Amino acid sequence: MATAPDIKAVISERYQKFEHVFNLGDFKGVAQLFTPGGKCLLHGRKTLNGRQEILDAFDSGSLGVQHIDENKCEEVFGKYGDEFVTSRGSCKLTSKDGAKTISCKDVVVWKFVDGEYLVEVDISNSDE
């Protein structure tokens, strides 16, 4: 019998993928990390519903973030193969004008879809 992958390693890889595609400016790639009906709740902003709203918000530059310096999965609740798992993470961002570093924390609900975990709900806050 095969051993299931380590869920924290799997979700940590998803955090790194988010950082990578964001820093490339591939906001369609960012949106694809969400389920089609995924939600993104960012500190002080309206809820983004679905991939298109997520893509539009990230692509417009209106979020005020230029670069993700660090995107880290701190812990995961659940086991590999569960339909839903939850993670808690942290990140450091560079503001659009490059003048400051923004610290944030998140709780993410991941949904197992076609053999991979996608973001169902991302709730983030920041020190901004």
C-alpha atoms as a PDB file:
ATOM      1  CA  MET A   1       0.000   0.000   0.000  1.00  0.00           C
ATOM      2  CA  ALA A   2       1.352   3.424  -1.001  1.00  0.00           C
ATOM      3  CA  THR A   3       1.992   6.042   1.645  1.00  0.00           C
ATOM      4  CA  ALA A   4      -0.029   9.240   1.264  1.00  0.00           C
ATOM      5  CA  PRO A   5       1.991  12.403   0.612  1.00  0.00           C
ATOM      6  CA  ASP A   6       2.719  14.697   3.547  1.00  0.00           C
ATOM      7  CA  ILE A   7      -0.135  17.210   3.489  1.00  0.00           C
ATOM      8  CA  LYS A   8       1.966  20.072   4.850  1.00  0.00           C
ATOM      9  CA  ALA A   9       4.531  19.549   2.082  1.00  0.00           C
ATOM     10  CA  VAL A  10       1.769  19.474  -0.555  1.00  0.00           C
ATOM     11  CA  ILE A  11       0.148  22.683   0.704  1.00  0.00           C
ATOM     12  CA  SER A  12       3.534  24.382   1.205  1.00  0.00           C
ATOM     13  CA  GLU A  13       4.232  23.699  -2.475  1.00  0.00           C
ATOM     14  CA  ARG A  14       0.939  25.418  -3.360  1.00  0.00           C
ATOM     15  CA  TYR A  15       1.996  28.485  -1.310  1.00  0.00           C
ATOM     16  CA  GLN A  16       5.290  28.540  -3.236  1.00  0.00           C
ATOM     17  CA  LYS A  17       3.484  28.179  -6.565  1.00  0.00           C
ATOM     18  CA  PHE A  18       1.281  31.171  -5.660  1.00  0.00           C
ATOM     19  CA  GLU A  19       4.383  33.226  -4.837  1.00  0.00           C
ATOM     20  CA  HIS A  20       6.110  32.165  -8.050  1.00  0.00           C
ATOM     21  CA  VAL A  21       3.258  32.923 -10.474  1.00  0.00           C
ATOM     22  CA  PHE A  22       2.431  36.184  -8.684  1.00  0.00           C
ATOM     23  CA  ASN A  23       6.025  37.382  -8.899  1.00  0.00           C
ATOM     24  CA  LEU A  24       6.083  36.503 -12.617  1.00  0.00           C
ATOM     25  CA  GLY A  25       3.012  38.712 -13.094  1.00  0.00           C
ATOM     26  CA  ASP A  26       1.035  35.637 -14.224  1.00  0.00           C
ATOM     27  CA  PHE A  27      -2.258  36.626 -12.639  1.00  0.00           C
ATOM     28  CA  LYS A  28      -4.196  34.138 -14.760  1.00  0.00           C
ATOM     29  CA  GLY A  29      -1.952  31.528 -13.127  1.00  0.00           C
ATOM     30  CA  VAL A  30      -2.839  32.975  -9.714  1.00  0.00           C
ATOM     31  CA  ALA A  31      -6.563  32.692 -10.501  1.00  0.00           C
ATOM     32  CA  GLN A  32      -6.104  29.077 -11.661  1.00  0.00           C
ATOM     33  CA  LEU A  33      -4.879  28.167  -8.156  1.00  0.00           C
ATOM     34  CA  PHE A  34      -8.467  28.826  -6.975  1.00  0.00           C
ATOM     35  CA  THR A  35     -11.498  26.635  -7.601  1.00  0.00           C
ATOM     36  CA  PRO A  36     -13.802  28.140 -10.269  1.00  0.00           C
ATOM     37  CA  GLY A  37     -16.050  29.517  -7.503  1.00  0.00           C
ATOM     38  CA  GLY A  38     -13.217  30.310  -5.100  1.00  0.00           C
ATOM     39  CA  LYS A  39     -13.356  33.329  -2.819  1.00  0.00           C
ATOM     40  CA  CYS A  40     -10.587  35.710  -1.839  1.00  0.00           C
ATOM     41  CA  LEU A  41     -11.200  37.879   1.220  1.00  0.00           C
ATOM     42  CA  LEU A  42      -8.423  40.427   1.535  1.00  0.00           C
ATOM     43  CA  HIS A  43      -8.065  42.840   4.437  1.00  0.00           C
ATOM     44  CA  GLY A  44     -10.192  45.956   3.890  1.00  0.00           C
ATOM     45  CA  ARG A  45     -11.449  44.957   0.427  1.00  0.00           C
ATOM     46  CA  LYS A  46     -14.618  43.494  -1.029  1.00  0.00           C
ATOM     47  CA  THR A  47     -14.811  39.737  -1.373  1.00  0.00           C
ATOM     48  CA  LEU A  48     -13.564  38.510  -4.735  1.00  0.00           C
ATOM     49  CA  ASN A  49     -15.853  35.772  -6.036  1.00  0.00           C
ATOM     50  CA  GLY A  50     -14.630  33.381  -8.700  1.00  0.00           C
ATOM     51  CA  ARG A  51     -11.568  33.209 -10.883  1.00  0.00           C
ATOM     52  CA  GLN A  52     -12.497  36.150 -13.112  1.00  0.00           C
ATOM     53  CA  GLU A  53     -12.892  38.629 -10.226  1.00  0.00           C
ATOM     54  CA  ILE A  54      -9.669  37.317  -8.694  1.00  0.00           C
ATOM     55  CA  LEU A  55      -7.842  37.705 -12.008  1.00  0.00           C
ATOM     56  CA  ASP A  56      -9.235  41.213 -12.566  1.00  0.00           C
ATOM     57  CA  ALA A  57      -8.249  42.411  -9.075  1.00  0.00           C
ATOM     58  CA  PHE A  58      -4.703  41.030  -9.251  1.00  0.00           C
ATOM     59  CA  ASP A  59      -4.186  42.059 -12.884  1.00  0.00           C
ATOM     60  CA  SER A  60      -5.330  45.657 -12.299  1.00  0.00           C
ATOM     61  CA  GLY A  61      -2.621  46.287  -9.708  1.00  0.00           C
ATOM     62  CA  SER A  62      -5.262  47.732  -7.388  1.00  0.00           C
ATOM     63  CA  LEU A  63      -4.169  45.500  -4.499  1.00  0.00           C
ATOM     64  CA  GLY A  64      -1.121  47.672  -3.896  1.00  0.00           C
ATOM     65  CA  VAL A  65       1.387  44.805  -3.895  1.00  0.00           C
ATOM     66  CA  GLN A  66       4.421  44.704  -6.155  1.00  0.00           C
ATOM     67  CA  HIS A  67       6.174  41.547  -4.991  1.00  0.00           C
ATOM     68  CA  ILE A  68       5.736  38.619  -2.596  1.00  0.00           C
ATOM     69  CA  ASP A  69       8.974  38.356  -0.644  1.00  0.00           C
ATOM     70  CA  GLU A  70       7.923  35.306   1.376  1.00  0.00           C
ATOM     71  CA  ASN A  71       4.799  33.150   1.379  1.00  0.00           C
ATOM     72  CA  LYS A  72       4.885  30.486   4.069  1.00  0.00           C
ATOM     73  CA  CYS A  73       2.580  27.680   5.171  1.00  0.00           C
ATOM     74  CA  GLU A  74       2.768  27.514   8.977  1.00  0.00           C
ATOM     75  CA  GLU A  75       0.453  24.560   9.636  1.00  0.00           C
ATOM     76  CA  VAL A  76      -2.187  22.403   7.966  1.00  0.00           C
ATOM     77  CA  PHE A  77      -5.281  20.830   9.478  1.00  0.00           C
ATOM     78  CA  GLY A  78      -6.418  17.628   7.761  1.00  0.00           C
ATOM     79  CA  LYS A  79      -4.773  14.799   5.879  1.00  0.00           C
ATOM     80  CA  TYR A  80      -3.938  14.179   2.235  1.00  0.00           C
ATOM     81  CA  GLY A  81      -6.999  13.069   0.281  1.00  0.00           C
ATOM     82  CA  ASP A  82      -9.526  14.850   2.522  1.00  0.00           C
ATOM     83  CA  GLU A  83     -11.964  16.806   0.354  1.00  0.00           C
ATOM     84  CA  PHE A  84     -11.148  19.936   2.375  1.00  0.00           C
ATOM     85  CA  VAL A  85      -8.083  20.880   4.416  1.00  0.00           C
ATOM     86  CA  THR A  86      -7.288  24.178   6.113  1.00  0.00           C
ATOM     87  CA  SER A  87      -3.978  25.958   6.385  1.00  0.00           C
ATOM     88  CA  ARG A  88      -2.615  28.891   8.338  1.00  0.00           C
ATOM     89  CA  GLY A  89       0.166  30.914   6.787  1.00  0.00           C
ATOM     90  CA  SER A  90       2.086  34.152   6.726  1.00  0.00           C
ATOM     91  CA  CYS A  91       3.683  36.329   4.097  1.00  0.00           C
ATOM     92  CA  LYS A  92       5.798  39.407   3.566  1.00  0.00           C
ATOM     93  CA  LEU A  93       4.975  41.662   0.640  1.00  0.00           C
ATOM     94  CA  THR A  94       6.601  44.692  -0.942  1.00  0.00           C
ATOM     95  CA  SER A  95       4.214  47.580  -1.544  1.00  0.00           C
ATOM     96  CA  LYS A  96       3.545  48.744  -5.092  1.00  0.00           C
ATOM     97  CA  ASP A  97       5.714  51.831  -4.600  1.00  0.00           C
ATOM     98  CA  GLY A  98       8.489  49.677  -3.097  1.00  0.00           C
ATOM     99  CA  ALA A  99       8.590  51.883  -0.008  1.00  0.00           C
ATOM    100  CA  LYS A 100       7.472  49.382   2.619  1.00  0.00           C
ATOM    101  CA  THR A 101       7.182  45.760   3.592  1.00  0.00           C
ATOM    102  CA  ILE A 102       3.721  44.528   4.516  1.00  0.00           C
ATOM    103  CA  SER A 103       3.258  41.540   6.840  1.00  0.00           C
ATOM    104  CA  CYS A 104       0.137  39.433   6.519  1.00  0.00           C
ATOM    105  CA  LYS A 105      -1.451  36.260   7.821  1.00  0.00           C
ATOM    106  CA  ASP A 106      -3.953  33.963   6.175  1.00  0.00           C
ATOM    107  CA  VAL A 107      -6.296  31.073   6.700  1.00  0.00           C
ATOM    108  CA  VAL A 108      -7.010  29.085   3.552  1.00  0.00           C
ATOM    109  CA  VAL A 109      -9.593  26.395   2.908  1.00  0.00           C
ATOM    110  CA  TRP A 110      -8.273  24.049   0.216  1.00  0.00           C
ATOM    111  CA  LYS A 111     -10.487  21.754  -1.859  1.00  0.00           C
ATOM    112  CA  PHE A 112      -9.184  18.517  -3.418  1.00  0.00           C
ATOM    113  CA  VAL A 113     -10.161  18.689  -7.110  1.00  0.00           C
ATOM    114  CA  ASP A 114      -8.959  16.268  -9.778  1.00  0.00           C
ATOM    115  CA  GLY A 115      -5.949  15.163  -7.736  1.00  0.00           C
ATOM    116  CA  GLU A 116      -4.741  18.574  -6.534  1.00  0.00           C
ATOM    117  CA  TYR A 117      -5.606  21.090  -3.863  1.00  0.00           C
ATOM    118  CA  LEU A 118      -7.075  24.401  -5.021  1.00  0.00           C
ATOM    119  CA  VAL A 119      -8.042  27.417  -2.931  1.00  0.00           C
ATOM    120  CA  GLU A 120     -11.737  27.420  -2.060  1.00  0.00           C
ATOM    121  CA  VAL A 121     -11.527  30.370   0.378  1.00  0.00           C
ATOM    122  CA  ASP A 122      -8.523  32.586   1.166  1.00  0.00           C
ATOM    123  CA  ILE A 123      -8.946  34.926   4.147  1.00  0.00           C
ATOM    124  CA  SER A 124      -6.002  37.292   4.585  1.00  0.00           C
ATOM    125  CA  ASN A 125      -5.262  40.235   6.831  1.00  0.00           C
ATOM    126  CA  SER A 126      -2.298  42.551   7.014  1.00  0.00           C
ATOM    127  CA  ASP A 127      -0.644  45.151   9.182  1.00  0.00           C
ATOM    128  CA  GLU A 128      -1.823  47.788   6.687  1.00  0.00           C
END
